[in-house]
Protein backbone atom coordinates (compact mmCIF):
# COMPACT_ATOMS: atom_id res chain seq x y z
CA MET A 1 162.90 165.91 163.57
CA PRO A 2 164.71 169.22 164.20
CA PRO A 3 165.54 170.07 168.00
CA ALA A 4 163.04 172.13 169.85
CA ILE A 5 164.28 175.60 170.22
CA THR A 6 163.05 177.29 173.46
CA ILE A 7 162.76 181.08 173.59
CA GLU A 8 165.47 181.19 176.17
CA ARG A 9 167.83 179.28 173.81
CA HIS A 10 166.91 181.57 170.93
CA ILE A 11 167.51 184.65 172.97
CA LEU A 12 170.88 183.38 174.26
CA GLU A 13 171.97 182.37 170.80
CA THR A 14 171.06 185.75 169.43
CA GLN A 15 172.98 187.30 172.23
CA ARG A 16 176.15 185.52 171.21
CA ALA A 17 176.27 187.62 167.99
CA TYR A 18 177.00 190.82 170.34
CA PRO A 19 180.34 190.16 172.16
CA GLY A 20 179.72 193.15 174.56
CA ALA A 21 176.37 191.99 175.64
CA THR A 22 175.98 191.82 179.49
CA GLY A 23 172.87 189.52 179.31
CA ASP A 24 170.45 192.07 180.81
CA PHE A 25 168.52 192.61 177.75
CA SER A 26 168.27 188.77 177.08
CA ALA A 27 167.05 188.37 180.69
CA LEU A 28 164.45 191.04 180.34
CA LEU A 29 162.98 189.33 177.30
CA TYR A 30 162.70 186.08 179.24
CA ASP A 31 161.30 187.91 182.30
CA ILE A 32 158.47 189.05 179.87
CA ALA A 33 157.97 185.51 178.63
CA PHE A 34 157.69 184.41 182.27
CA ALA A 35 155.00 186.87 182.99
CA ALA A 36 153.18 185.85 179.77
CA LYS A 37 152.94 182.25 181.16
CA ILE A 38 151.29 183.55 184.40
CA ILE A 39 148.93 185.64 182.36
CA SER A 40 148.06 182.86 179.96
CA SER A 41 147.42 180.52 182.83
CA SER A 42 145.01 183.03 184.32
CA VAL A 43 143.24 183.86 180.98
CA ASN A 44 142.73 179.90 180.50
CA LYS A 45 140.95 179.83 183.80
CA ALA A 46 138.58 182.64 182.99
CA GLY A 47 135.01 181.69 183.96
CA LEU A 48 136.26 179.07 186.45
CA VAL A 49 137.63 181.49 189.00
CA ASP A 50 136.56 185.04 189.81
CA ILE A 51 138.74 187.03 187.40
CA MET A 52 135.93 188.00 184.82
CA GLY A 53 133.98 191.13 184.77
CA LEU A 54 134.76 194.65 185.97
CA THR A 55 136.59 195.94 189.04
CA GLY A 56 134.43 198.96 189.36
CA ASP A 57 137.35 201.35 188.64
CA GLU A 58 138.32 203.50 185.64
CA ASN A 59 141.75 203.77 184.21
CA VAL A 60 143.50 206.91 183.10
CA GLN A 61 141.99 206.43 179.73
CA GLY A 62 138.52 206.72 181.24
CA GLU A 63 137.93 203.09 180.40
CA LEU A 64 136.29 200.61 182.87
CA VAL A 65 138.98 198.34 184.30
CA GLN A 66 138.50 194.59 183.85
CA LYS A 67 139.66 192.26 186.52
CA LEU A 68 141.88 190.67 184.05
CA ASP A 69 143.46 194.12 183.09
CA GLU A 70 144.43 194.56 186.85
CA LEU A 71 145.73 191.05 187.09
CA ALA A 72 147.95 191.24 183.97
CA ASN A 73 149.23 194.77 184.96
CA ASN A 74 150.20 193.55 188.48
CA THR A 75 151.71 190.34 186.97
CA ILE A 76 154.09 192.17 184.65
CA TYR A 77 154.90 194.72 187.33
CA LYS A 78 155.81 192.16 189.93
CA ALA A 79 157.74 189.97 187.47
CA LEU A 80 159.95 192.89 186.51
CA ASP A 81 160.14 195.41 189.33
CA HIS A 82 162.93 193.59 191.34
CA THR A 83 165.19 192.30 188.61
CA GLY A 84 167.55 195.31 188.40
CA ARG A 85 167.08 195.45 184.59
CA LEU A 86 164.58 198.41 184.46
CA CYS A 87 164.87 202.10 185.40
CA CYS A 88 161.03 202.53 185.11
CA MET A 89 157.97 201.31 183.33
CA ALA A 90 154.89 202.77 181.69
CA SER A 91 151.47 201.04 181.39
CA GLU A 92 148.15 201.79 179.87
CA GLU A 93 146.66 201.32 183.34
CA ASN A 94 148.76 203.80 185.07
CA GLU A 95 148.52 207.55 184.87
CA GLY A 96 152.33 208.28 185.27
CA ILE A 97 155.52 206.41 184.87
CA ILE A 98 155.88 203.38 187.25
CA GLU A 99 158.87 203.78 189.47
CA ILE A 100 161.09 200.93 190.57
CA PRO A 101 160.74 200.41 194.43
CA GLN A 102 163.57 202.05 196.37
CA ARG A 103 164.74 198.70 197.84
CA PHE A 104 165.60 197.30 194.33
CA LYS A 105 168.44 198.10 191.96
CA CYS A 106 167.70 199.97 188.78
CA GLY A 107 168.87 199.04 185.31
CA LYS A 108 169.39 200.45 181.92
CA TYR A 109 166.12 199.56 180.05
CA VAL A 110 162.58 201.13 180.05
CA LEU A 111 159.36 199.04 179.45
CA ALA A 112 156.23 200.37 178.00
CA PHE A 113 153.26 197.91 177.92
CA ASP A 114 149.54 197.37 177.42
CA PRO A 115 149.09 194.60 179.87
CA LEU A 116 145.92 193.13 178.32
CA ASP A 117 144.63 194.48 174.89
CA GLY A 118 141.08 193.63 174.01
CA SER A 119 140.22 192.49 177.55
CA SER A 120 136.51 193.58 177.14
CA ASN A 121 136.24 190.47 174.85
CA ILE A 122 137.32 187.98 177.46
CA ASP A 123 133.67 187.15 178.43
CA ALA A 124 133.11 186.13 174.88
CA ASN A 125 136.28 183.98 174.70
CA VAL A 126 137.91 186.12 172.04
CA SER A 127 141.69 186.31 171.59
CA ILE A 128 143.26 189.01 173.67
CA GLY A 129 146.96 189.96 174.13
CA THR A 130 149.79 191.83 175.78
CA ILE A 131 151.87 194.46 173.86
CA PHE A 132 155.40 195.67 174.94
CA SER A 133 158.00 198.02 173.97
CA ILE A 134 161.67 198.27 175.27
CA PHE A 135 163.93 201.35 175.08
CA HIS A 136 167.44 202.13 176.45
CA LYS A 137 167.45 204.57 179.27
CA VAL A 138 168.60 207.96 178.06
CA SER A 139 168.35 210.26 181.16
CA SER A 140 170.95 210.60 183.70
CA ALA A 141 168.40 210.04 186.56
CA GLU A 142 169.16 206.68 188.28
CA ARG A 143 165.47 205.67 188.35
CA GLY A 144 164.27 207.00 185.14
CA THR A 145 162.19 210.03 184.03
CA LEU A 146 159.51 210.73 181.53
CA GLU A 147 162.26 211.52 179.18
CA ASP A 148 163.23 207.84 179.08
CA CYS A 149 159.73 206.79 178.14
CA LEU A 150 159.10 209.48 175.38
CA GLN A 151 161.41 208.46 172.72
CA GLN A 152 160.99 208.19 168.98
CA GLY A 153 159.73 204.75 167.96
CA ARG A 154 162.85 204.05 165.92
CA LYS A 155 164.87 204.12 169.10
CA GLN A 156 163.16 200.91 170.38
CA VAL A 157 165.36 198.10 171.34
CA ALA A 158 162.62 195.50 171.11
CA GLY A 159 158.88 195.40 170.38
CA GLY A 160 156.61 192.44 170.88
CA TYR A 161 153.33 190.99 171.77
CA ILE A 162 151.63 187.92 173.29
CA ILE A 163 148.49 186.56 171.97
CA TYR A 164 146.33 184.45 174.23
CA GLY A 165 144.04 182.48 171.83
CA SER A 166 143.54 178.84 170.91
CA SER A 167 147.28 178.63 171.77
CA THR A 168 149.54 181.16 173.41
CA MET A 169 152.12 182.82 171.22
CA MET A 170 154.77 185.37 171.81
CA VAL A 171 156.17 187.24 168.86
CA TYR A 172 158.91 189.92 169.14
CA THR A 173 161.69 191.68 167.23
CA ALA A 174 164.98 193.05 168.54
CA GLY A 175 165.72 194.54 165.10
CA ASN A 176 166.86 191.23 163.60
CA GLY A 177 163.74 189.79 162.14
CA VAL A 178 160.60 188.77 163.70
CA HIS A 179 160.21 185.45 165.41
CA GLY A 180 157.23 183.72 166.93
CA PHE A 181 157.18 181.22 169.79
CA THR A 182 154.23 178.96 170.75
CA LEU A 183 153.64 177.95 174.49
CA ASP A 184 153.66 174.28 174.91
CA PRO A 185 151.51 173.86 178.07
CA SER A 186 152.71 170.27 178.64
CA ILE A 187 156.27 171.56 179.39
CA GLY A 188 155.64 175.20 180.14
CA GLU A 189 157.92 176.42 177.62
CA PHE A 190 157.72 178.88 174.58
CA LEU A 191 159.11 176.96 171.56
CA LEU A 192 160.11 178.47 168.22
CA SER A 193 157.19 177.82 165.84
CA HIS A 194 157.45 180.83 163.53
CA PRO A 195 161.05 181.71 162.56
CA ASN A 196 161.72 184.89 160.53
CA ILE A 197 158.20 185.88 159.84
CA LYS A 198 157.64 187.77 156.69
CA THR A 199 154.36 189.56 155.85
CA PRO A 200 153.08 189.65 152.17
CA GLN A 201 153.85 192.87 150.40
CA ARG A 202 150.17 193.08 149.48
CA GLY A 203 147.27 191.22 151.09
CA ASN A 204 143.51 190.83 150.45
CA ILE A 205 142.00 191.54 154.03
CA TYR A 206 141.01 194.82 155.43
CA SER A 207 140.29 195.17 159.21
CA CYS A 208 138.31 197.98 160.72
CA ASN A 209 135.34 198.87 162.69
CA GLU A 210 133.28 199.62 159.56
CA GLY A 211 130.37 200.76 161.86
CA ASN A 212 132.19 204.07 162.09
CA TYR A 213 132.22 204.69 158.30
CA ALA A 214 129.92 207.72 158.51
CA LYS A 215 132.42 209.36 161.06
CA TRP A 216 135.44 208.89 158.88
CA GLU A 217 136.97 211.52 156.59
CA ASN A 218 136.42 211.28 152.89
CA GLY A 219 139.76 209.72 151.97
CA ILE A 220 139.15 206.83 154.42
CA GLN A 221 135.62 206.22 152.97
CA LYS A 222 137.07 206.30 149.45
CA TYR A 223 139.60 203.68 150.24
CA ILE A 224 137.15 201.34 151.94
CA ASP A 225 134.95 201.77 148.82
CA TYR A 226 137.98 200.95 146.70
CA VAL A 227 138.97 197.71 148.38
CA LYS A 228 135.39 196.51 148.16
CA THR A 229 135.15 197.18 144.48
CA PRO A 230 135.68 194.05 142.37
CA ASP A 231 138.78 194.07 140.17
CA LYS A 232 140.37 190.71 139.44
CA ALA A 233 143.67 192.24 138.23
CA SER A 234 144.45 193.83 141.61
CA GLY A 235 142.88 190.99 143.72
CA ARG A 236 139.76 193.00 144.84
CA PRO A 237 137.42 192.89 146.56
CA TYR A 238 139.25 192.37 149.69
CA LYS A 239 137.80 190.36 152.53
CA SER A 240 136.48 192.05 155.77
CA ARG A 241 137.87 190.53 158.73
CA TYR A 242 137.62 192.34 162.27
CA ILE A 243 137.85 190.83 165.57
CA GLY A 244 138.06 194.07 167.59
CA SER A 245 141.19 192.97 169.51
CA LEU A 246 144.16 194.77 168.09
CA VAL A 247 146.67 192.04 168.73
CA ALA A 248 144.40 189.34 167.15
CA ASP A 249 143.62 191.44 164.17
CA PHE A 250 147.18 192.41 163.70
CA HIS A 251 148.57 188.91 164.21
CA ARG A 252 146.30 187.42 161.55
CA ASN A 253 147.27 190.15 158.99
CA LEU A 254 150.93 189.82 159.86
CA LEU A 255 150.77 186.20 158.75
CA TYR A 256 148.27 186.38 155.93
CA GLY A 257 148.76 189.92 154.54
CA GLY A 258 146.38 192.71 154.72
CA ILE A 259 145.76 196.07 156.49
CA PHE A 260 144.37 197.07 159.86
CA LEU A 261 143.15 200.48 160.18
CA TYR A 262 141.91 202.60 163.09
CA PRO A 263 141.35 206.13 161.78
CA PRO A 264 140.37 209.30 163.59
CA ASP A 265 136.72 210.06 163.84
CA LYS A 266 134.37 212.59 165.31
CA SER A 267 134.56 210.88 168.66
CA ASN A 268 138.40 210.32 168.57
CA PRO A 269 139.78 213.13 166.49
CA LEU A 270 143.40 212.29 167.47
CA GLY A 271 142.76 208.56 166.96
CA LYS A 272 142.04 205.92 169.67
CA LEU A 273 145.18 203.86 169.85
CA ARG A 274 148.17 204.73 171.97
CA LEU A 275 151.44 205.57 170.27
CA LEU A 276 153.90 204.48 172.93
CA TYR A 277 152.76 200.90 173.87
CA GLU A 278 150.28 199.88 171.11
CA ALA A 279 151.33 201.54 167.71
CA ASN A 280 155.14 201.75 168.26
CA PRO A 281 155.94 198.10 169.15
CA LEU A 282 153.56 196.72 166.36
CA ALA A 283 155.12 199.13 163.84
CA PHE A 284 158.62 197.90 164.74
CA ILE A 285 157.47 194.37 164.24
CA VAL A 286 155.65 195.01 160.94
CA GLU A 287 158.64 196.98 159.48
CA GLN A 288 160.95 194.04 160.44
CA ALA A 289 158.60 191.63 158.69
CA GLY A 290 158.67 193.73 155.46
CA GLY A 291 155.36 195.78 156.02
CA ALA A 292 154.61 199.36 157.03
CA ALA A 293 152.82 201.32 159.65
CA SER A 294 151.61 204.93 159.29
CA ASP A 295 149.44 207.60 160.85
CA GLY A 296 148.24 208.63 157.40
CA GLN A 297 150.99 211.30 157.18
CA GLN A 298 154.14 209.71 158.32
CA ASP A 299 155.63 206.48 159.44
CA ILE A 300 154.67 205.63 163.07
CA LEU A 301 158.29 204.78 163.99
CA ASP A 302 159.24 208.42 162.92
CA LYS A 303 156.93 209.92 165.60
CA THR A 304 157.98 210.96 169.08
CA ALA A 305 155.36 210.69 171.88
CA ARG A 306 154.87 213.87 173.79
CA GLU A 307 152.99 212.27 176.65
CA LEU A 308 152.69 208.68 178.04
CA HIS A 309 149.04 208.10 176.70
CA GLU A 310 149.29 210.05 173.42
CA ARG A 311 146.90 208.64 170.89
CA THR A 312 147.39 208.17 167.04
CA PRO A 313 145.60 207.06 164.01
CA LEU A 314 147.04 203.87 162.84
CA TYR A 315 147.18 202.07 159.41
CA ILE A 316 149.38 198.96 159.63
CA GLY A 317 150.09 195.83 157.65
CA SER A 318 151.19 194.82 154.20
CA TYR A 319 153.58 197.47 152.70
CA GLU A 320 151.62 198.17 149.48
CA ASP A 321 148.38 198.36 151.15
CA VAL A 322 149.53 200.93 153.65
CA ARG A 323 151.02 203.00 150.92
CA ASP A 324 147.54 202.84 149.12
CA ILE A 325 145.66 204.15 152.03
CA GLU A 326 148.22 206.92 152.34
CA SER A 327 147.61 207.98 148.70
CA PHE A 328 143.92 208.23 149.44
CA LEU A 329 144.51 210.34 152.50
CA ASN A 330 147.03 212.73 150.80
CA GLY A 331 144.71 213.13 147.65
CA THR A 332 147.00 211.72 145.16
CA ARG A 333 144.16 209.04 144.48
CA SER A 334 140.44 209.44 144.59
């Protein structure tokens, strides 16, 4: 039986490939894993303690805040604000950048995160998750500025997510492949369970809120009609699978192949998902796994956010499936 490889050991062994590394980045990843353990423990107690339901507040997105959203946001902040590894943070739940308290030293990294994606599903015991993105600090300001957060996706140092489901998994990339770790609750450690994840070049799953079909542009409607049309030679019809939790839908398709799509519609003409801390990190992961991510016109990682909570259309998954949908959107297929 091969030895169990903890996430800490994996991070440290990867660090050894970079002789000039200070260890700050490795420690930052482990800090995120620590916060994930706390959130996982809280999620597993949902229904037993008073952490379900709404707080009564709205976040900057105009969305009702779940108690677990607030708990996850505070957990990540408190796990990372004092470490001296970050110059600032950005969260879905906060309107502006999150400053590091004056009493703590600042570092050379920036963290952007969605503390609890899909939290509206928690009452139904549906898988939810945390998504995060890490950048190098680029401004000269000691404590970070908006400039440090609004960087092109390709400049990410790392991107990852934690999925809280039947088991808790942390999946991340630092530009050297995609690796997945499953939390063993008996010892409280993330163990390497999915080394060097590769997604199929083409899948047979499409994931979208098909109830919005009438609101979508013609190219999207034609693509959905296409994947539902039987054709044995190309593996159609595709199977429809949609959980309504971005992390859960993405995670399934990353492993099995397929495409997740959240197009713009009449209610959300710019798209609904956020570029900085949802689309960017997942795009980094999927490209490292051999897939693709697009807004329909360009790769997600080629975009530069102009504001913290900028929204984007998102088509993400198996490489050939993403290129197919682009061809329907640009009119080269009909």
